[in-house]
Protein backbone atom coordinates (compact mmCIF):
# COMPACT_ATOMS: atom_id res chain seq x y z
CA MET A 1 -29.08 39.18 2.27
CA ASP A 2 -26.90 39.01 -0.87
CA PRO A 3 -24.85 35.74 -0.76
CA LEU A 4 -22.22 37.13 -3.12
CA LYS A 5 -21.66 40.24 -1.02
CA GLU A 6 -21.51 38.16 2.15
CA THR A 7 -18.86 35.91 0.60
CA VAL A 8 -16.75 38.85 -0.54
CA ARG A 9 -17.08 40.45 2.90
CA ALA A 10 -15.91 37.20 4.51
CA GLU A 11 -12.80 37.09 2.36
CA THR A 12 -9.64 37.37 4.39
CA ARG A 13 -6.78 39.73 3.64
CA ARG A 14 -4.56 36.79 2.76
CA GLN A 15 -7.12 35.38 0.32
CA PHE A 16 -7.54 38.79 -1.33
CA PHE A 17 -3.84 39.35 -1.97
CA GLY A 18 -3.34 35.72 -2.95
CA ALA A 19 -6.10 35.93 -5.55
CA ALA A 20 -4.77 39.27 -6.79
CA ALA A 21 -1.29 37.86 -7.17
CA ARG A 22 -2.60 34.86 -9.10
CA GLY A 23 -4.57 37.20 -11.37
CA ILE A 24 -1.60 39.44 -12.09
CA GLY A 25 0.64 36.44 -12.63
CA GLY A 26 -1.90 34.92 -15.00
CA LEU A 27 -2.02 38.10 -17.08
CA ALA A 28 1.76 38.21 -17.26
CA LEU A 29 2.02 34.59 -18.34
CA ALA A 30 -0.73 35.07 -20.89
CA SER A 31 1.20 37.92 -22.47
CA LEU A 32 4.44 35.96 -22.49
CA PHE A 33 3.02 32.77 -23.95
CA ALA A 34 0.19 34.12 -26.11
CA GLU A 35 1.90 32.90 -29.24
CA ASP A 36 1.79 29.31 -27.91
CA ALA A 37 -1.85 29.45 -26.86
CA PHE A 38 -2.98 27.30 -29.76
CA ALA A 39 -0.03 24.92 -29.81
CA LEU A 40 -0.58 21.21 -29.50
CA PRO A 41 -0.28 19.86 -25.92
CA VAL A 42 3.15 18.54 -25.04
CA ALA A 43 3.32 14.87 -24.06
CA ARG A 44 4.14 14.43 -20.39
CA ASP A 45 5.04 11.42 -18.30
CA ARG A 46 3.23 12.77 -15.26
CA PHE A 47 0.38 15.05 -14.32
CA GLY A 48 0.51 17.07 -11.13
CA GLY A 49 2.92 16.46 -8.29
CA LEU A 50 5.42 18.79 -6.64
CA PRO A 51 7.84 20.63 -8.93
CA ASP A 52 10.91 19.72 -6.88
CA LEU A 53 10.26 15.98 -6.94
CA PRO A 54 11.90 13.61 -7.44
CA HIS A 55 14.97 14.81 -5.56
CA PHE A 56 17.22 12.45 -7.52
CA ALA A 57 16.92 9.84 -10.27
CA PRO A 58 14.30 7.27 -9.24
CA LYS A 59 14.58 3.52 -9.71
CA ALA A 60 10.83 2.91 -9.32
CA LYS A 61 7.90 4.70 -10.92
CA GLN A 62 4.99 2.60 -9.69
CA CYS A 63 4.20 0.46 -6.66
CA ILE A 64 2.01 -2.56 -5.91
CA TYR A 65 1.71 -3.03 -2.16
CA LEU A 66 0.32 -6.40 -1.05
CA HIS A 67 -0.65 -5.95 2.60
CA MET A 68 -1.43 -9.15 4.51
CA MET A 69 -3.85 -7.88 7.16
CA GLY A 70 -3.62 -9.72 10.44
CA ALA A 71 0.15 -10.33 10.54
CA PRO A 72 1.58 -13.47 8.86
CA PRO A 73 3.60 -15.70 11.24
CA GLN A 74 7.20 -15.21 10.16
CA MET A 75 8.49 -18.48 11.64
CA ASP A 76 5.96 -20.47 9.59
CA LEU A 77 6.79 -18.75 6.29
CA LEU A 78 10.12 -16.92 5.88
CA ASP A 79 12.11 -17.10 9.15
CA TYR A 80 13.16 -20.73 9.59
CA LYS A 81 13.82 -21.79 13.19
CA PRO A 82 14.73 -25.51 13.23
CA LYS A 83 16.06 -25.45 16.79
CA MET A 84 12.54 -24.86 18.12
CA LYS A 85 11.65 -28.52 17.54
CA GLU A 86 13.81 -29.29 20.56
CA TYR A 87 11.76 -26.84 22.64
CA PHE A 88 8.28 -28.14 21.87
CA ASP A 89 5.90 -27.32 24.75
CA GLN A 90 8.67 -25.80 26.86
CA ASP A 91 8.09 -22.35 28.30
CA LEU A 92 9.61 -19.37 26.55
CA PRO A 93 12.68 -18.46 28.63
CA ASP A 94 12.51 -15.18 30.53
CA SER A 95 15.93 -14.35 29.10
CA ILE A 96 14.32 -14.28 25.65
CA ARG A 97 11.11 -12.52 26.53
CA GLN A 98 12.97 -9.88 28.56
CA GLY A 99 9.78 -8.50 30.06
CA GLN A 100 8.39 -7.39 26.72
CA ARG A 101 4.74 -6.40 26.70
CA LEU A 102 2.00 -8.88 25.81
CA THR A 103 -1.49 -8.43 24.46
CA THR A 104 -4.45 -8.95 26.77
CA MET A 105 -5.20 -12.11 24.79
CA THR A 106 -2.21 -13.97 26.25
CA SER A 107 -1.11 -11.87 29.26
CA GLY A 108 -3.35 -13.98 31.47
CA GLN A 109 -1.90 -17.34 30.37
CA SER A 110 -0.18 -19.31 33.11
CA ARG A 111 2.57 -20.35 30.71
CA PHE A 112 3.93 -19.60 27.24
CA PRO A 113 4.63 -22.96 25.57
CA ILE A 114 6.84 -22.90 22.50
CA ALA A 115 5.12 -24.05 19.29
CA PRO A 116 7.60 -25.04 16.56
CA SER A 117 6.32 -24.68 13.03
CA VAL A 118 4.70 -27.84 11.67
CA PHE A 119 5.70 -26.90 8.14
CA GLU A 120 8.81 -28.03 6.31
CA PHE A 121 11.41 -25.58 4.98
CA SER A 122 13.92 -25.83 2.14
CA ARG A 123 16.61 -23.68 0.55
CA HIS A 124 16.15 -21.83 -2.73
CA GLY A 125 18.06 -19.46 -4.97
CA GLU A 126 21.77 -18.82 -5.33
CA ASN A 127 22.05 -17.66 -1.71
CA GLY A 128 20.10 -20.61 -0.32
CA ALA A 129 17.31 -18.61 1.31
CA TRP A 130 14.89 -20.64 3.45
CA PHE A 131 11.23 -20.81 2.45
CA SER A 132 8.28 -22.67 3.91
CA GLU A 133 6.59 -25.40 1.92
CA LEU A 134 3.53 -23.12 1.93
CA LEU A 135 5.27 -20.71 -0.47
CA PRO A 136 6.59 -22.82 -3.37
CA HIS A 137 5.98 -20.18 -6.04
CA THR A 138 7.52 -17.43 -3.94
CA ALA A 139 10.50 -19.68 -3.31
CA SER A 140 10.96 -20.17 -7.05
CA MET A 141 11.70 -16.45 -7.42
CA ALA A 142 14.15 -16.28 -4.51
CA ASP A 143 16.70 -14.55 -6.73
CA ASP A 144 14.22 -11.81 -7.67
CA ILE A 145 13.14 -10.74 -4.18
CA ALA A 146 14.80 -9.21 -1.13
CA ILE A 147 13.63 -10.63 2.20
CA ILE A 148 13.84 -8.45 5.30
CA ARG A 149 13.67 -10.67 8.40
CA SER A 150 14.33 -7.91 10.91
CA MET A 151 11.34 -5.61 10.59
CA HIS A 152 9.99 -4.21 13.86
CA THR A 153 7.23 -1.80 14.84
CA ASP A 154 5.96 0.20 17.80
CA ALA A 155 2.40 -1.20 17.66
CA ILE A 156 1.13 -4.45 19.16
CA ASN A 157 -2.50 -4.40 17.97
CA HIS A 158 -3.89 -4.44 14.45
CA GLU A 159 -5.57 -1.08 14.14
CA PRO A 160 -2.58 1.02 15.27
CA GLY A 161 -0.20 -1.43 13.59
CA ILE A 162 -1.76 -1.15 10.15
CA THR A 163 -2.19 2.60 10.57
CA PHE A 164 1.48 2.92 11.57
CA ILE A 165 2.96 1.13 8.57
CA GLN A 166 0.55 2.86 6.19
CA THR A 167 0.76 6.42 7.55
CA GLY A 168 3.84 6.58 9.76
CA GLN A 169 1.75 7.22 12.89
CA GLN A 170 -0.41 4.96 15.06
CA ILE A 171 -3.13 7.60 15.43
CA PRO A 172 -5.52 7.90 12.46
CA GLY A 173 -5.87 11.10 10.50
CA ARG A 174 -2.61 11.32 8.60
CA PRO A 175 -2.03 10.66 4.88
CA CYS A 176 -1.28 7.07 3.93
CA ILE A 177 1.77 6.15 1.88
CA GLY A 178 -0.18 5.98 -1.39
CA SER A 179 -1.53 9.48 -0.81
CA TRP A 180 1.97 10.82 -0.17
CA PHE A 181 3.02 9.43 -3.56
CA ALA A 182 -0.02 10.88 -5.31
CA TYR A 183 0.68 14.27 -3.70
CA GLY A 184 4.41 14.31 -4.36
CA LEU A 185 4.80 12.59 -7.72
CA GLY A 186 1.41 13.11 -9.34
CA SER A 187 -0.22 10.79 -11.85
CA MET A 188 1.18 8.93 -14.85
CA ASN A 189 -2.16 8.95 -16.67
CA GLU A 190 -5.18 11.21 -17.11
CA ASN A 191 -7.96 8.63 -17.18
CA LEU A 192 -7.51 6.55 -14.04
CA PRO A 193 -6.84 7.47 -10.39
CA THR A 194 -3.29 7.92 -9.20
CA PHE A 195 -3.90 5.68 -6.19
CA VAL A 196 -6.19 2.63 -6.25
CA VAL A 197 -7.16 0.30 -3.39
CA MET A 198 -8.69 -3.19 -3.46
CA ASN A 199 -9.81 -5.51 -0.66
CA ALA A 200 -9.46 -9.26 -1.21
CA GLU A 201 -11.54 -11.95 0.45
CA ARG A 202 -10.19 -14.69 2.70
CA SER A 203 -10.55 -18.30 1.51
CA HIS A 204 -10.87 -20.15 4.82
CA PRO A 205 -14.00 -19.41 6.89
CA ALA A 206 -12.05 -19.78 10.14
CA ALA A 207 -9.49 -17.12 9.16
CA GLY A 208 -9.61 -14.21 11.60
CA LEU A 209 -10.72 -10.88 10.14
CA GLN A 210 -9.81 -7.32 11.06
CA ALA A 211 -12.03 -4.35 10.47
CA ILE A 212 -10.98 -2.26 7.50
CA SER A 213 -12.12 1.20 6.53
CA ALA A 214 -11.31 3.99 4.10
CA LYS A 215 -9.23 5.81 6.72
CA LEU A 216 -6.40 3.43 5.75
CA TRP A 217 -6.27 5.00 2.30
CA SER A 218 -7.20 8.49 3.43
CA ALA A 219 -5.36 11.61 2.31
CA GLY A 220 -5.43 12.90 5.89
CA PHE A 221 -4.49 16.57 5.99
CA LEU A 222 -3.64 16.55 2.27
CA SER A 223 -6.25 17.49 -0.30
CA PRO A 224 -8.90 14.74 -0.73
CA GLU A 225 -7.92 14.33 -4.38
CA TYR A 226 -4.89 12.33 -3.15
CA ALA A 227 -6.96 9.71 -1.31
CA GLY A 228 -7.12 6.16 -2.63
CA VAL A 229 -10.02 5.19 -4.88
CA GLY A 230 -11.55 1.86 -3.90
CA LEU A 231 -12.30 -0.70 -6.62
CA GLN A 232 -15.25 -2.94 -5.77
CA THR A 233 -16.09 -6.44 -6.95
CA GLY A 234 -19.08 -7.07 -9.17
CA ASP A 235 -20.63 -5.11 -12.03
CA GLU A 236 -19.76 -1.68 -10.64
CA PRO A 237 -16.01 -1.45 -9.83
CA VAL A 238 -16.36 2.16 -8.67
CA LEU A 239 -19.57 3.04 -6.86
CA TYR A 240 -21.81 5.77 -8.29
CA LEU A 241 -19.69 6.06 -11.44
CA LYS A 242 -22.47 5.09 -13.83
CA ASP A 243 -24.89 7.71 -15.07
CA PRO A 244 -28.44 7.43 -13.72
CA GLN A 245 -30.97 5.80 -16.01
CA GLY A 246 -32.10 8.25 -18.69
CA VAL A 247 -29.01 10.49 -18.41
CA SER A 248 -26.90 10.39 -21.56
CA PRO A 249 -23.15 11.12 -21.68
CA ALA A 250 -23.90 14.38 -23.49
CA VAL A 251 -26.24 15.50 -20.72
CA ARG A 252 -23.70 14.49 -18.09
CA ARG A 253 -21.04 16.52 -19.91
CA ARG A 254 -23.23 19.63 -19.94
CA VAL A 255 -23.98 19.21 -16.23
CA LEU A 256 -20.27 18.93 -15.40
CA ASP A 257 -19.44 21.97 -17.51
CA GLY A 258 -22.07 23.99 -15.67
CA MET A 259 -20.85 22.80 -12.27
CA SER A 260 -17.27 23.59 -13.25
CA GLU A 261 -18.20 27.16 -14.14
CA LEU A 262 -19.96 27.63 -10.82
CA ASN A 263 -17.04 26.14 -8.89
CA GLN A 264 -14.58 28.35 -10.77
CA LEU A 265 -16.62 31.38 -9.76
CA ARG A 266 -16.63 30.17 -6.17
CA HIS A 267 -12.88 29.68 -6.24
CA ALA A 268 -12.36 33.17 -7.63
CA GLN A 269 -14.43 34.56 -4.77
CA VAL A 270 -13.03 32.58 -1.85
CA GLY A 271 -9.74 31.12 -3.05
CA ASP A 272 -10.29 27.73 -1.44
CA PRO A 273 -8.03 25.11 -3.16
CA GLU A 274 -10.53 22.39 -2.21
CA THR A 275 -12.85 23.87 -4.85
CA LEU A 276 -10.30 23.14 -7.58
CA ALA A 277 -9.84 19.63 -6.20
CA ARG A 278 -13.58 19.08 -6.45
CA ILE A 279 -13.59 20.18 -10.11
CA GLU A 280 -10.80 17.73 -10.92
CA GLN A 281 -12.56 14.89 -9.10
CA TYR A 282 -15.72 15.43 -11.17
CA GLU A 283 -13.67 15.44 -14.36
CA MET A 284 -11.75 12.32 -13.36
CA ALA A 285 -15.02 10.51 -12.60
CA PHE A 286 -16.29 11.41 -16.07
CA ARG A 287 -13.17 10.00 -17.75
CA MET A 288 -13.32 6.91 -15.55
CA GLN A 289 -16.76 6.07 -16.95
CA SER A 290 -14.95 4.66 -19.98
CA SER A 291 -11.47 3.84 -18.63
CA VAL A 292 -12.54 1.73 -15.63
CA PRO A 293 -14.85 -0.69 -17.51
CA GLU A 294 -12.11 -1.21 -20.10
CA MET A 295 -9.51 -1.89 -17.41
CA ALA A 296 -11.77 -4.29 -15.50
CA ASP A 297 -12.84 -6.29 -18.57
CA LEU A 298 -10.75 -9.46 -18.50
CA ALA A 299 -12.12 -10.75 -21.81
CA SER A 300 -9.05 -9.41 -23.58
CA GLU A 301 -6.71 -11.58 -21.50
CA PRO A 302 -5.27 -14.52 -23.47
CA GLU A 303 -5.61 -18.12 -22.34
CA SER A 304 -1.99 -18.05 -21.21
CA THR A 305 -3.04 -15.65 -18.44
CA TRP A 306 -5.30 -18.24 -16.83
CA GLU A 307 -2.70 -20.97 -17.28
CA ARG A 308 -0.26 -18.87 -15.27
CA TRP A 309 -2.64 -17.34 -12.74
CA GLY A 310 -5.17 -20.14 -12.22
CA GLU A 311 -8.94 -20.05 -12.48
CA GLU A 312 -9.31 -18.17 -9.19
CA ALA A 313 -8.07 -15.07 -10.99
CA ARG A 314 -11.37 -14.97 -12.87
CA GLN A 315 -13.36 -14.64 -9.64
CA PRO A 316 -14.01 -11.08 -8.42
CA GLY A 317 -13.10 -10.62 -4.77
CA LYS A 318 -10.31 -13.19 -4.78
CA PHE A 319 -6.77 -12.07 -4.10
CA GLN A 320 -5.71 -13.62 -7.40
CA ASN A 321 -8.22 -11.44 -9.24
CA ALA A 322 -7.11 -8.31 -7.37
CA ALA A 323 -3.44 -8.98 -8.16
CA LEU A 324 -4.28 -9.42 -11.84
CA MET A 325 -6.21 -6.14 -11.72
CA ALA A 326 -3.14 -4.54 -10.13
CA ARG A 327 -1.04 -5.59 -13.11
CA ARG A 328 -3.64 -4.15 -15.51
CA LEU A 329 -3.72 -0.91 -13.52
CA VAL A 330 0.04 -0.36 -13.61
CA GLU A 331 0.03 -1.19 -17.32
CA ARG A 332 -2.32 1.78 -17.71
CA GLY A 333 -0.17 4.14 -15.66
CA VAL A 334 -1.64 3.97 -12.16
CA ARG A 335 1.06 5.13 -9.77
CA PHE A 336 0.19 3.22 -6.58
CA VAL A 337 -1.96 0.10 -6.12
CA GLN A 338 -2.76 -1.23 -2.65
CA ILE A 339 -4.29 -4.66 -2.03
CA TYR A 340 -5.45 -5.65 1.45
CA HIS A 341 -5.82 -9.39 2.01
CA ARG A 342 -7.53 -10.22 5.26
CA GLY A 343 -7.48 -13.44 7.29
CA TRP A 344 -3.91 -13.64 8.59
CA ASP A 345 -4.80 -13.20 12.26
CA VAL A 346 -3.94 -16.78 13.27
CA HIS A 347 -4.69 -16.79 17.00
CA SER A 348 -5.88 -20.39 16.70
CA ALA A 349 -6.03 -23.30 14.24
CA LEU A 350 -2.94 -22.02 12.47
CA PRO A 351 -2.03 -25.33 10.74
CA THR A 352 -5.51 -25.35 9.19
CA VAL A 353 -5.95 -21.69 8.30
CA LEU A 354 -2.45 -20.68 7.19
CA PRO A 355 -2.17 -23.02 4.18
CA ALA A 356 -5.36 -21.53 2.72
CA GLN A 357 -4.09 -17.98 3.22
CA ALA A 358 -0.75 -18.86 1.62
CA ARG A 359 -2.45 -20.51 -1.37
CA ASP A 360 -4.36 -17.30 -2.00
CA VAL A 361 -1.24 -15.18 -2.39
CA ASP A 362 1.69 -17.43 -3.29
CA ARG A 363 0.92 -18.25 -6.91
CA ALA A 364 -0.66 -14.85 -7.54
CA ALA A 365 2.39 -12.94 -6.31
CA TRP A 366 4.61 -15.11 -8.52
CA ALA A 367 2.32 -14.65 -11.54
CA LEU A 368 2.26 -10.90 -10.96
CA ILE A 369 6.04 -10.64 -11.08
CA GLN A 370 6.26 -12.87 -14.17
CA ASP A 371 3.73 -10.66 -15.94
CA LEU A 372 5.59 -7.51 -14.97
CA LYS A 373 8.82 -9.00 -16.34
CA GLU A 374 7.21 -9.96 -19.64
CA ARG A 375 5.83 -6.45 -20.11
CA GLY A 376 9.06 -4.67 -19.23
CA LEU A 377 7.54 -3.21 -16.05
CA PHE A 378 9.39 -5.15 -13.37
CA ASP A 379 12.44 -2.90 -13.18
CA GLU A 380 10.30 0.20 -12.57
CA THR A 381 7.53 -1.31 -10.44
CA LEU A 382 8.15 -1.90 -6.74
CA VAL A 383 6.25 -4.88 -5.31
CA ILE A 384 5.91 -5.16 -1.51
CA TRP A 385 4.55 -8.14 0.43
CA GLY A 386 4.07 -8.12 4.21
CA GLY A 387 1.91 -7.42 7.25
CA GLU A 388 1.81 -4.96 10.14
CA PHE A 389 3.80 -6.96 12.73
CA GLY A 390 4.86 -10.51 13.53
CA ARG A 391 3.65 -13.36 15.72
CA THR A 392 4.90 -15.13 18.84
CA ILE A 393 6.85 -18.37 18.92
CA TYR A 394 4.75 -19.43 21.89
CA SER A 395 1.25 -20.75 21.47
CA GLN A 396 -1.83 -18.79 22.29
CA GLY A 397 -4.23 -21.13 24.03
CA ARG A 398 -3.91 -24.89 23.98
CA LEU A 399 -0.88 -26.42 22.26
CA THR A 400 -0.89 -29.93 20.74
CA ALA A 401 1.29 -31.65 18.19
CA GLU A 402 -1.35 -30.93 15.54
CA THR A 403 -2.55 -27.42 16.27
CA TYR A 404 -1.62 -24.13 17.84
CA GLY A 405 -2.17 -20.39 17.50
CA ARG A 406 0.14 -17.39 17.75
CA ASP A 407 -0.35 -13.99 19.36
CA HIS A 408 0.83 -10.59 18.10
CA HIS A 409 4.53 -9.77 18.27
CA PRO A 410 5.91 -6.33 17.29
CA ARG A 411 9.60 -6.96 17.94
CA CYS A 412 10.38 -8.85 14.71
CA TYR A 413 8.72 -9.96 11.50
CA SER A 414 9.45 -10.61 7.83
CA ILE A 415 8.51 -8.94 4.56
CA TRP A 416 9.76 -9.16 0.99
CA MET A 417 10.25 -6.61 -1.78
CA ALA A 418 10.99 -6.96 -5.48
CA GLY A 419 11.50 -4.93 -8.66
CA GLY A 420 11.86 -1.15 -8.83
CA GLY A 421 15.49 -0.88 -7.72
CA VAL A 422 15.46 -3.74 -5.19
CA LYS A 423 18.42 -6.14 -5.13
CA GLY A 424 17.13 -9.66 -5.72
CA GLY A 425 18.45 -12.67 -3.82
CA VAL A 426 19.13 -10.72 -0.62
CA VAL A 427 18.19 -11.82 2.89
CA HIS A 428 18.61 -8.88 5.25
CA GLY A 429 18.51 -9.03 9.03
CA GLU A 430 18.50 -11.88 11.51
CA THR A 431 16.49 -12.89 14.57
CA ASP A 432 17.38 -15.15 17.49
CA ASP A 433 16.59 -18.88 17.57
CA PHE A 434 13.11 -18.09 18.89
CA SER A 435 12.26 -15.49 16.22
CA TYR A 436 11.54 -13.21 19.17
CA ASN A 437 14.34 -10.63 19.14
CA ILE A 438 16.42 -9.09 16.35
CA VAL A 439 20.11 -9.86 16.63
CA LYS A 440 21.34 -8.25 13.40
CA ASP A 441 20.41 -5.29 11.18
CA PRO A 442 17.07 -4.12 12.62
CA VAL A 443 14.69 -2.31 10.25
CA HIS A 444 12.09 -0.07 11.85
CA VAL A 445 8.84 0.77 10.06
CA HIS A 446 10.14 4.29 9.42
CA ASP A 447 13.33 2.84 7.91
CA PHE A 448 11.15 0.77 5.57
CA GLN A 449 9.14 3.85 4.58
CA ALA A 450 12.31 5.88 4.00
CA THR A 451 13.61 3.09 1.77
CA VAL A 452 10.43 2.97 -0.30
CA LEU A 453 10.54 6.73 -0.80
CA HIS A 454 14.22 6.52 -1.75
CA LEU A 455 13.44 4.03 -4.52
CA PHE A 456 11.17 6.67 -6.03
CA GLY A 457 13.89 9.31 -5.90
CA ILE A 458 12.59 11.00 -2.75
CA ASP A 459 14.62 12.09 0.26
CA HIS A 460 12.25 11.35 3.12
CA GLU A 461 13.64 14.18 5.26
CA ARG A 462 12.97 16.77 2.55
CA PHE A 463 9.54 15.49 1.53
CA THR A 464 7.25 17.42 3.86
CA HIS A 465 3.87 19.14 4.02
CA ARG A 466 3.16 22.11 6.27
CA HIS A 467 0.36 21.22 8.67
CA GLN A 468 -0.60 23.06 11.86
CA GLY A 469 2.73 24.84 11.93
CA LEU A 470 4.80 21.68 11.49
CA ASP A 471 6.61 20.23 8.50
CA ALA A 472 4.92 16.82 8.61
CA ARG A 473 6.43 13.85 6.81
CA LEU A 474 5.66 10.18 6.34
CA THR A 475 8.62 9.01 8.41
CA GLY A 476 7.91 11.24 11.40
CA VAL A 477 10.39 13.34 13.34
CA GLU A 478 12.74 10.66 14.63
CA LYS A 479 15.77 9.52 12.68
CA ALA A 480 15.14 6.96 9.95
CA ARG A 481 17.62 5.40 7.57
CA VAL A 482 17.43 4.03 4.06
CA VAL A 483 18.16 0.29 4.05
CA LYS A 484 20.78 0.43 1.31
CA GLU A 485 21.62 -3.24 1.72
CA VAL A 486 18.47 -4.19 -0.21
CA LEU A 487 18.99 -1.67 -3.02
CA ALA A 488 20.32 -2.73 -6.40
């Protein structure tokens, strides 16, 4: 059996005419532009992406998304509810709960005692926004950030909740938001990935953890080249990037050139675009052998960096270190950086666990924004902080004056955004006295996603990808609106 003949025989009519058209088009272009064949390459501000994007002038070019896995309790951090002190250990009124669904972790409780926050709040910024004592550094930049207190979601458990806010659907298998950006807008550099993901460790051993896997930064039905690239802690930030012992860069280059020629032949025969994606991934990995070690080497950071960020930023695996890496990545033109910080699932011992979680992120988020400002990147870099849903005002399990826990709550929660076209000093949305229901300006997850896309000059209704006969999009098929109230 001749493999080449079998491949050609298996070629479909569509592949044949597609390849023929590309060949004819290539010959035509070659004849038109032959005189420019040896011209110097023109400098570009992006590589790849769709030709019709952005749809309009963008405010943001890059994004750093700080996802707090486990769902931070909004009433202990950003949604001040002083009236709840009067309701300590009283049952949540039925008029407030309104028959809303519960998780199996609290549905069997005989009562739902209200647990007021044990933390103090104070006003900050020109508009007097309320912040918990756990977030002093975040509070100091109240005029730079927009707080949305009226987020809500369709999911009540972590796995579908995280998947929903990252991909627009609760069921896995769709592209995440970073992959959509990589696909639509392309890269701003040639030597680092377009989309980078980091996982940060918890600080408190009692902090609840959620499982995390690469499906959260998957490209789904898009080409795999748009998936997030995970940066690891330790001596090898990207696994399998180093050459094996005894293999020199020159040998590696010859191997890649040979593989590229074989893959080009394969693509000419079959016309599978995944073959071209594979070639580009090999080439990117080769370039990353020098670009990633340089990016990850913190020796070039001045002493003022550690004075601002703290010594934890030197420790691989810490959130502080990941946030510093995020700043270094966007400095080098990485389009989208995602950091997952686990440990926010405070079903119990909240007064003990939450301060440690907040310490991890509070100063680092502040330092990140100060660094972006100093480097002239703040106005074009969107920074997002938030989780996948909120938490209940009632206590899960035993309630005392010193300790309590909170269950999942999808009907309202808080996030904040900054930079990249966001109006600082804004507090959008309002919840009832129990932080249980939204009473003003609700923002659905799809509204949030539409707003993020809008900041990058993308109309979410026009940004689609044909998949299984449907024009799929990040925001789904139901109506979503851009939250213009938080736009500068």
